[in-house]
Amino acid sequence: MTNYPQYPAGSGPEPPMNQGPTGPRPASVDMAVKLIWVAVALTVVSTLLSFLYLDDAVASAVESDTTGTLTEDGARTAVIVVTVLALAIGVGLYAMLAFFIGKGKNWARIVYTVLAVIFLVLGILGLGGDQPAVSMLLGVVQIAITVATLFFLWKRESTDWLTGRSAA
């Protein structure tokens, strides 16, 4: 028989670090979730508007083809497929994050933050590009919504609720 070390009486497993949300969802988390849904709606609108400029995107793709093998029909198909797939993945991901943040999952806040920082960097870099004024305006609005969402997600009351700590 193996002799395992004994622990002092009263010592047991450590309590879990994150007990989950305590109390009602704070207004800051409600606002963040609503802003994520607004950003999702703006993404859908922006994508639909991009189809108005489909011919420009196709012409740009054909012009930038250095091999000379890309046809206009091939470019059109590629632009549509990539746009629809990106929309579906983006909307699905952000909808999932909004849902889980609303349920009090801190991991979803962290994932949202990482994706938001990447979006902000790319969005700010893309503002100076050759794009229609409407697209640029929507980009600026989406950047502002993302910054506001991050602000609300990282307020103390949000952090306390999402990490299961009592508000001090």
Foldseek 3Di string as FASTA:
>chain_A
DDDDDDDDPPDDDDPDQFPFFDDDQDPLLVLLLVLLVVLLVLLVVLLVVVVVVLQVQLVVVCVPDPVNPQDSVNSSVVVVVVSVVVSVVVSVLSNVLSVVLNRLAVVSLVVLVVVLVVLLVVLVVCLPDPDDPVSSVSSVVSNVSSVSSNVSCPPQSNVCRSRVHDRD
